[in-house]
Protein backbone atom coordinates (compact mmCIF):
# COMPACT_ATOMS: atom_id res chain seq x y z
CA MET A 1 -267.89 -101.06 -136.36
CA THR A 2 -266.03 -100.89 -139.66
CA ASP A 3 -266.46 -97.86 -141.91
CA TYR A 4 -268.42 -100.06 -144.35
CA GLU A 5 -270.80 -101.23 -141.61
CA ILE A 6 -271.35 -97.63 -140.53
CA GLU A 7 -272.02 -96.50 -144.08
CA MET A 8 -274.50 -99.33 -144.73
CA ALA A 9 -276.32 -98.80 -141.43
CA LEU A 10 -276.80 -95.07 -142.06
CA GLN A 11 -277.57 -95.48 -145.75
CA ASP A 12 -280.20 -98.15 -145.06
CA SER A 13 -281.79 -95.91 -142.47
CA GLN A 14 -281.83 -92.97 -144.89
CA GLU A 15 -283.38 -95.04 -147.68
CA SER A 16 -286.16 -96.28 -145.39
CA PHE A 17 -287.75 -92.81 -145.70
CA PRO A 18 -289.96 -91.89 -148.67
CA LEU A 19 -287.97 -90.16 -151.41
CA GLU A 20 -289.69 -86.80 -150.89
CA THR A 21 -288.80 -86.72 -147.18
CA ARG A 22 -285.45 -88.47 -147.34
CA PRO A 23 -282.92 -87.03 -144.82
CA VAL A 24 -280.03 -84.93 -146.18
CA ASN A 25 -276.50 -86.26 -145.63
CA LEU A 26 -274.22 -83.23 -145.16
CA SER A 27 -271.19 -85.51 -145.76
CA TYR A 28 -272.43 -86.68 -149.15
CA TRP A 29 -270.05 -86.62 -152.10
CA ASN A 30 -272.50 -85.40 -154.77
CA THR A 31 -273.25 -81.71 -155.21
CA GLY A 32 -276.52 -79.95 -154.39
CA SER A 33 -279.18 -78.90 -156.90
CA LYS A 34 -278.41 -75.16 -156.62
CA TYR A 35 -274.73 -75.68 -157.40
CA GLN A 36 -275.55 -78.01 -160.28
CA SER A 37 -277.93 -75.53 -161.88
CA GLY A 38 -275.38 -72.73 -161.48
CA VAL A 39 -272.57 -74.65 -163.17
CA GLY A 40 -275.05 -75.94 -165.76
CA ARG A 41 -275.72 -72.38 -166.89
CA ILE A 42 -272.00 -71.77 -167.42
CA LEU A 43 -270.75 -75.09 -168.81
CA GLU A 44 -269.88 -75.25 -172.50
CA TYR A 45 -268.05 -78.05 -174.29
CA ASN A 46 -267.46 -79.47 -177.73
CA THR A 47 -269.67 -82.47 -178.45
CA GLU A 48 -267.99 -83.40 -181.74
CA GLN A 49 -266.25 -86.53 -180.53
CA ASP A 50 -265.66 -90.02 -181.93
CA PHE A 51 -268.12 -92.48 -180.38
CA PHE A 52 -266.84 -95.52 -182.26
CA ASP A 53 -263.06 -95.98 -182.13
CA TYR A 54 -260.89 -97.08 -179.20
CA HIS A 55 -258.81 -94.28 -177.70
CA TYR A 56 -255.81 -94.77 -175.43
CA TYR A 57 -254.21 -91.33 -175.46
CA LEU A 58 -255.13 -87.71 -174.93
CA PRO A 59 -256.65 -85.82 -177.89
CA ASP A 60 -253.99 -84.61 -180.33
CA GLY A 61 -252.20 -81.46 -179.23
CA THR A 62 -253.52 -81.44 -175.66
CA GLU A 63 -250.71 -83.07 -173.65
CA ASN A 64 -248.45 -80.03 -173.31
CA PRO A 65 -251.32 -77.55 -172.69
CA ILE A 66 -252.67 -79.87 -169.99
CA ALA A 67 -249.24 -80.18 -168.34
CA LEU A 68 -248.76 -76.41 -168.42
CA LYS A 69 -252.20 -75.81 -166.91
CA LEU A 70 -251.37 -78.28 -164.13
CA GLY A 71 -248.42 -76.05 -163.26
CA PHE A 72 -245.50 -77.83 -164.91
CA SER A 73 -242.90 -75.64 -166.60
CA LYS A 74 -241.97 -75.83 -170.27
CA ALA A 75 -238.72 -77.52 -169.21
CA ASP A 76 -240.74 -80.08 -167.22
CA CYS A 77 -242.78 -80.86 -170.32
CA GLN A 78 -239.62 -82.21 -171.96
CA LYS A 79 -239.18 -84.74 -169.13
CA LEU A 80 -242.72 -85.87 -168.30
CA ARG A 81 -245.40 -88.00 -169.88
CA ILE A 82 -249.10 -88.09 -169.15
CA ALA A 83 -250.87 -91.44 -168.97
CA PRO A 84 -254.63 -90.69 -169.16
CA LEU A 85 -257.33 -92.74 -167.46
CA THR A 86 -261.07 -92.62 -167.03
CA GLN A 87 -260.81 -92.29 -163.24
CA SER A 88 -258.23 -91.74 -160.52
CA THR A 89 -259.07 -95.01 -158.73
CA ILE A 90 -257.46 -96.86 -161.66
CA ALA A 91 -254.40 -94.64 -161.33
CA ILE A 92 -254.10 -95.61 -157.66
CA SER A 93 -254.34 -99.35 -158.34
CA SER A 94 -251.90 -99.09 -161.26
CA ILE A 95 -249.26 -97.28 -159.21
CA ILE A 96 -249.58 -99.82 -156.39
CA ALA A 97 -249.23 -102.61 -158.98
CA PHE A 98 -246.07 -100.84 -160.20
CA PHE A 99 -244.70 -100.80 -156.63
CA SER A 100 -245.46 -104.50 -156.37
CA ARG A 101 -243.42 -105.20 -159.51
CA GLN A 102 -240.56 -103.10 -158.15
CA ASN A 103 -240.66 -104.81 -154.72
CA MET A 104 -241.18 -101.45 -153.06
CA SER A 105 -242.67 -100.81 -149.62
CA VAL A 106 -244.93 -97.78 -149.18
CA GLY A 107 -245.44 -95.24 -146.41
CA ILE A 108 -249.02 -93.93 -146.46
CA ILE A 109 -249.46 -90.53 -144.85
CA ARG A 110 -252.99 -90.36 -143.53
CA PRO A 111 -255.62 -89.28 -144.18
CA ALA A 112 -255.55 -90.88 -147.64
CA TYR A 113 -258.23 -92.19 -149.97
CA PHE A 114 -259.30 -95.63 -148.73
CA THR A 115 -258.34 -97.35 -152.01
CA VAL A 116 -254.60 -96.92 -151.35
CA GLU A 117 -254.43 -99.20 -148.33
CA VAL A 118 -256.82 -101.74 -149.86
CA CYS A 119 -254.70 -101.94 -153.03
CA CYS A 120 -251.52 -102.41 -151.00
CA LYS A 121 -253.15 -105.38 -149.27
CA ASP A 122 -254.45 -106.86 -152.52
CA PHE A 123 -251.13 -106.48 -154.36
CA LYS A 124 -249.15 -107.70 -151.32
CA VAL A 125 -247.22 -104.43 -151.12
CA PRO A 126 -245.74 -103.89 -147.62
CA TYR A 127 -246.91 -100.58 -146.18
CA THR A 128 -246.57 -98.44 -143.09
CA VAL A 129 -249.27 -96.00 -142.03
CA PHE A 130 -248.28 -92.60 -140.62
CA ASP A 131 -251.41 -91.28 -138.90
CA ASP A 132 -250.12 -88.79 -136.35
CA TYR A 133 -249.97 -85.70 -138.56
CA MET A 134 -253.53 -85.22 -139.81
CA GLU A 135 -254.60 -81.57 -139.48
CA ASP A 136 -251.20 -80.48 -138.11
CA ILE A 137 -249.12 -81.76 -141.01
CA ASN A 138 -248.07 -78.25 -142.04
CA GLU A 139 -246.20 -77.88 -138.75
CA LYS A 140 -245.29 -81.44 -137.79
CA LEU A 141 -244.25 -83.45 -140.86
CA ASP A 142 -240.81 -84.93 -140.23
CA ALA A 143 -238.86 -86.32 -143.19
CA LYS A 144 -236.36 -88.08 -140.92
CA ARG A 145 -239.05 -90.12 -139.24
CA LEU A 146 -240.44 -91.20 -142.61
CA LEU A 147 -236.98 -92.03 -143.96
CA ASP A 148 -236.10 -94.00 -140.81
CA SER A 149 -239.06 -96.28 -141.55
CA GLY A 150 -237.17 -97.83 -144.45
CA CYS A 151 -240.05 -97.40 -146.90
CA HIS A 152 -239.08 -97.08 -150.56
CA ALA A 153 -241.99 -94.81 -151.52
CA PHE A 154 -244.33 -92.37 -149.77
CA TRP A 155 -247.94 -91.55 -150.58
CA PHE A 156 -249.26 -88.04 -149.92
CA THR A 157 -252.77 -86.73 -150.59
CA SER A 158 -253.07 -83.06 -151.50
CA PRO A 159 -255.21 -81.37 -150.46
CA ILE A 160 -255.39 -83.42 -147.26
CA ASN A 161 -258.19 -85.93 -147.75
CA SER A 162 -261.59 -84.33 -147.03
CA MET A 163 -259.98 -81.36 -145.22
CA SER A 164 -259.17 -79.16 -148.23
CA ILE A 165 -255.86 -78.19 -146.61
CA TYR A 166 -252.87 -77.65 -148.89
CA PHE A 167 -249.22 -78.15 -147.97
CA LYS A 168 -247.22 -75.16 -146.78
CA ASP A 169 -243.48 -74.52 -147.27
CA HIS A 170 -242.46 -76.69 -144.31
CA VAL A 171 -244.02 -79.77 -145.89
CA ILE A 172 -242.60 -78.96 -149.32
CA LYS A 173 -239.08 -78.78 -147.85
CA GLU A 174 -239.52 -82.06 -145.95
CA ILE A 175 -240.80 -83.82 -149.08
CA GLN A 176 -237.81 -82.54 -151.04
CA LYS A 177 -235.55 -84.18 -148.42
CA ILE A 178 -237.36 -87.46 -149.09
CA LEU A 179 -236.80 -87.07 -152.83
CA ASP A 180 -233.15 -86.14 -152.31
CA ALA A 181 -232.75 -89.41 -150.38
CA GLY A 182 -233.73 -91.28 -153.55
CA LYS A 183 -237.24 -92.26 -152.44
CA VAL A 184 -240.29 -92.26 -154.70
CA VAL A 185 -243.08 -89.83 -153.79
CA VAL A 186 -246.67 -90.04 -155.00
CA PHE A 187 -248.94 -87.01 -154.88
CA ASP A 188 -252.60 -87.91 -155.16
CA GLU A 189 -253.97 -84.54 -156.28
CA SER A 190 -257.25 -85.91 -157.61
CA LEU A 191 -259.21 -83.31 -155.65
CA CYS A 192 -256.71 -80.49 -156.11
CA MET A 193 -258.12 -77.14 -157.15
CA ASN A 194 -256.53 -76.02 -160.40
CA GLY A 195 -253.88 -73.44 -159.54
CA MET A 196 -252.91 -75.16 -156.27
CA GLU A 197 -251.00 -78.13 -157.71
CA LEU A 198 -247.71 -79.21 -156.14
CA ALA A 199 -246.18 -79.30 -159.61
CA ARG A 200 -245.86 -75.52 -159.26
CA LYS A 201 -243.46 -76.02 -156.34
CA LEU A 202 -241.72 -79.34 -157.04
CA GLY A 203 -241.93 -79.70 -160.81
CA MET A 204 -241.15 -82.96 -162.60
CA GLN A 205 -238.42 -84.81 -160.73
CA GLU A 206 -237.41 -88.37 -161.57
CA ASN A 207 -239.00 -89.99 -158.53
CA LEU A 208 -242.21 -87.97 -158.45
CA ILE A 209 -245.55 -89.40 -159.54
CA TYR A 210 -248.67 -87.22 -159.73
CA ILE A 211 -252.37 -88.17 -160.01
CA TYR A 212 -254.86 -85.60 -161.34
CA SER A 213 -258.57 -85.41 -162.07
CA PRO A 214 -259.33 -81.68 -162.47
CA HIS A 215 -263.10 -81.86 -163.03
CA LYS A 216 -263.59 -83.92 -159.88
CA THR A 217 -263.05 -80.82 -157.76
CA LEU A 218 -265.84 -79.05 -159.64
CA GLY A 219 -268.25 -81.95 -159.11
CA LEU A 220 -268.38 -82.57 -162.87
CA GLN A 221 -268.26 -86.36 -162.79
CA GLY A 222 -269.74 -86.82 -166.27
CA ILE A 223 -266.99 -85.19 -168.34
CA LYS A 224 -263.93 -85.78 -166.19
CA PHE A 225 -260.62 -87.31 -167.13
CA SER A 226 -257.86 -88.56 -164.85
CA ALA A 227 -254.13 -88.74 -165.46
CA THR A 228 -250.94 -90.11 -164.02
CA VAL A 229 -248.07 -87.70 -164.68
CA VAL A 230 -244.66 -89.35 -164.47
CA HIS A 231 -241.05 -88.91 -165.50
CA GLN A 232 -240.19 -90.53 -168.82
CA LYS A 233 -238.16 -93.23 -167.05
CA PHE A 234 -241.31 -94.65 -165.42
CA TYR A 235 -243.77 -93.95 -168.21
CA ASP A 236 -243.59 -97.10 -170.33
CA GLU A 237 -244.08 -99.50 -167.44
CA ILE A 238 -246.82 -97.49 -165.73
CA ASP A 239 -248.62 -96.90 -169.01
CA ASP A 240 -248.41 -100.65 -169.68
CA ILE A 241 -249.91 -101.48 -166.27
CA GLN A 242 -252.67 -98.90 -166.72
CA ASP A 243 -253.57 -100.54 -170.00
CA TYR A 244 -254.09 -103.83 -168.14
CA TYR A 245 -256.26 -102.32 -165.40
CA GLY A 246 -257.89 -99.38 -167.16
CA GLY A 247 -258.19 -100.25 -170.82
CA SER A 248 -259.22 -97.65 -173.36
CA LEU A 249 -260.53 -94.17 -172.66
CA ASN A 250 -264.24 -93.46 -172.85
CA TYR A 251 -265.93 -90.52 -174.50
CA SER A 252 -266.19 -88.47 -171.30
CA CYS A 253 -262.43 -88.75 -170.72
CA GLN A 254 -261.64 -87.33 -174.15
CA LEU A 255 -264.23 -84.61 -173.62
CA GLY A 256 -262.87 -83.71 -170.19
CA ALA A 257 -259.28 -83.48 -171.42
CA SER A 258 -260.27 -81.08 -174.20
CA HIS A 259 -262.47 -79.02 -171.88
CA PHE A 260 -259.82 -78.63 -169.17
CA ILE A 261 -257.60 -76.42 -171.33
CA THR A 262 -260.42 -74.03 -172.28
CA LYS A 263 -261.44 -70.76 -170.66
CA ASN A 264 -264.80 -72.32 -169.91
CA PHE A 265 -263.15 -74.61 -167.36
CA ASP A 266 -261.77 -71.45 -165.71
CA ASP A 267 -265.25 -69.91 -165.68
CA CYS A 268 -266.66 -73.02 -163.96
CA LEU A 269 -263.77 -72.91 -161.47
CA ALA A 270 -264.52 -69.28 -160.64
CA PHE A 271 -268.16 -70.17 -159.91
CA TYR A 272 -267.01 -73.12 -157.80
CA LYS A 273 -264.75 -70.91 -155.68
CA ASP A 274 -267.45 -68.30 -155.06
CA TYR A 275 -270.00 -70.98 -154.15
CA TYR A 276 -267.92 -73.01 -151.69
CA GLN A 277 -266.42 -69.88 -150.09
CA GLU A 278 -269.88 -68.47 -149.37
CA ASN A 279 -270.96 -71.79 -147.85
CA LEU A 280 -267.74 -71.99 -145.82
CA LYS A 281 -268.46 -68.53 -144.45
CA ILE A 282 -271.96 -69.70 -143.45
CA ALA A 283 -270.55 -72.86 -141.87
CA ARG A 284 -267.97 -70.89 -139.86
CA GLY A 285 -270.78 -68.68 -138.58
CA VAL A 286 -272.63 -71.72 -137.29
CA ILE A 287 -269.55 -73.40 -135.81
CA GLN A 288 -268.45 -70.35 -133.83
CA LYS A 289 -271.61 -70.67 -131.74
CA TYR A 290 -270.35 -74.02 -130.40
CA ASN A 291 -267.06 -73.79 -128.51
CA PHE A 292 -266.49 -77.56 -128.76
CA ALA A 293 -266.48 -77.62 -132.59
CA HIS A 294 -263.65 -76.48 -134.85
CA VAL A 295 -262.84 -76.22 -138.55
CA SER A 296 -259.34 -75.46 -139.79
CA PRO A 297 -258.68 -71.85 -140.86
CA GLU A 298 -256.58 -73.34 -143.69
CA THR A 299 -259.62 -74.89 -145.44
CA GLU A 300 -259.56 -74.10 -149.17
CA GLY A 301 -262.07 -76.28 -150.99
CA HIS A 302 -265.53 -77.79 -150.82
CA TYR A 303 -264.88 -80.52 -148.25
CA ALA A 304 -264.37 -79.44 -144.64
CA ILE A 305 -263.79 -81.57 -141.56
CA ILE A 306 -265.49 -80.44 -138.36
CA PHE A 307 -263.64 -81.62 -135.23
CA LEU A 308 -265.21 -81.98 -131.79
CA ASP A 309 -263.38 -81.88 -128.46
CA TRP A 310 -264.33 -85.44 -127.50
CA PRO A 311 -264.54 -88.96 -128.97
CA ILE A 312 -267.84 -90.73 -129.75
CA ASP A 313 -268.33 -94.48 -129.87
CA ASP A 314 -269.27 -95.73 -133.35
CA GLU A 315 -272.47 -97.51 -132.32
CA VAL A 316 -273.58 -94.59 -130.17
CA PHE A 317 -273.01 -92.25 -133.11
CA VAL A 318 -274.91 -94.43 -135.59
CA ASN A 319 -277.91 -94.65 -133.26
CA SER A 320 -277.75 -90.90 -132.68
CA MET A 321 -277.80 -90.21 -136.41
CA LYS A 322 -280.74 -92.57 -136.94
CA ASN A 323 -282.67 -90.63 -134.29
CA LEU A 324 -281.60 -87.31 -135.81
CA MET A 325 -282.86 -88.38 -139.24
CA LYS A 326 -286.34 -88.86 -137.76
CA GLU A 327 -286.28 -85.67 -135.71
CA SER A 328 -284.73 -83.20 -138.16
CA GLY A 329 -284.08 -84.72 -141.59
CA TYR A 330 -280.28 -84.30 -141.39
CA PHE A 331 -277.30 -86.50 -140.58
CA VAL A 332 -273.56 -86.88 -141.29
CA PHE A 333 -271.05 -89.67 -141.79
CA PRO A 334 -268.30 -89.94 -139.14
CA GLY A 335 -264.70 -89.05 -140.03
CA ILE A 336 -263.71 -92.73 -140.02
CA MET A 337 -265.21 -92.77 -143.52
CA GLN A 338 -262.46 -90.34 -144.57
CA ASP A 339 -259.60 -92.18 -142.79
CA PHE A 340 -259.69 -90.25 -139.48
CA ASP A 341 -259.42 -91.99 -136.11
CA THR A 342 -262.64 -90.85 -134.43
CA SER A 343 -261.89 -92.82 -131.25
CA LYS A 344 -259.41 -90.09 -130.25
CA ARG A 345 -261.28 -87.00 -131.39
CA PHE A 346 -264.59 -87.21 -133.20
CA CYS A 347 -264.97 -85.45 -136.54
CA PHE A 348 -267.26 -85.40 -139.54
CA ARG A 349 -267.14 -84.03 -143.07
CA ILE A 350 -269.46 -81.52 -144.69
CA ASN A 351 -269.78 -80.91 -148.43
CA LEU A 352 -269.80 -77.18 -149.12
CA LEU A 353 -271.31 -77.68 -152.58
CA LEU A 354 -274.65 -78.69 -151.07
CA ASN A 355 -277.55 -76.24 -151.00
CA ARG A 356 -276.91 -73.27 -148.70
CA ARG A 357 -280.10 -73.78 -146.70
CA ASP A 358 -279.02 -77.34 -145.91
CA ILE A 359 -275.53 -76.24 -144.84
CA GLU A 360 -276.85 -73.61 -142.43
CA LYS A 361 -279.87 -75.43 -141.03
CA GLY A 362 -278.34 -78.92 -141.08
CA LEU A 363 -275.09 -77.95 -139.38
CA ASN A 364 -277.01 -76.09 -136.66
CA VAL A 365 -279.21 -79.13 -136.09
CA ILE A 366 -276.31 -81.60 -135.95
CA LEU A 367 -274.10 -79.55 -133.60
CA GLU A 368 -277.00 -78.75 -131.29
CA TYR A 369 -277.93 -82.44 -131.17
CA LEU A 370 -274.35 -83.51 -130.42
CA LYS A 371 -274.12 -80.83 -127.73
CA ASN A 372 -277.28 -82.09 -126.04
CA GLU A 373 -276.12 -85.69 -126.33
CA SER A 374 -272.82 -84.87 -124.62
CA GLU A 375 -274.61 -83.11 -121.76
CA ALA A 376 -277.15 -85.91 -121.21
């Protein structure tokens, strides 16, 4: 089954239940009601915005403060430009369109957001997938192997897609070798926690392209902005392409950009960290009862991938989750939805911004069910 077929099968099954008894998807991307009410009590923002005019740039006076808060140095600010967008998906398609114009081939280091590979296909950009690093990238990434592929550009996702794992020094050094070889490197940091950005280690180099969407980490989808941060030499062309595919900025983008550089964003971030860390602690407590399930000790963020010691066939899994919905009211999406090869080692994602009761009870139910299924 394709990831789309799996998603539709499970979603249709979920929606067949009455709304008041609808099963909880522990892999879901939206946040839980308890988290939302907690952030809602903290959140403050300026509502005095222009609803009428077209806007294509960041609010006056915000570009340098935004760059500095993303971790770029004052010297970097003299070399970079920020091209704002309403969402990071447009940034992805725009960068791939740029590679198409430049006749560049791309190496995609998995797991990556699904849009990257789709855009490469649509824009006829040749690409090579590197899928043998996954959770071990901090020990195994090899710049020579990537460079030997002949790709002109390389696409990294930080933190690792749906794993909330950030790159350690080994990876940083290997990526610098790639840059020193004259290759272009893209860092999709759309889900990066503020304070963990790679800009703090690698700065603004000529062949580096960054994607950011700071509010996305906090689950604040209504006031978020996205941005492509590039060296001045690439800015005009990428900004031009983003105009074609993204158009003007909406009200929420302007609002998000202004909010990001306030202390209130920091207050929301502090709440976010406390909330996900408490849920991660609860999840670890559940997982340690099952010796076949594992979560990385490097997890730092609200998405966590739970790995099992065996593979599970897609159809078998879908049918199991449909049964589990009826029996317990919980289910998960398989890791194939997040670009993991579940035919080798099954995995699934949990969202640590869901309600704590659902994390504890739901994870217990799912792991116990999978345990019983494997023993049957």
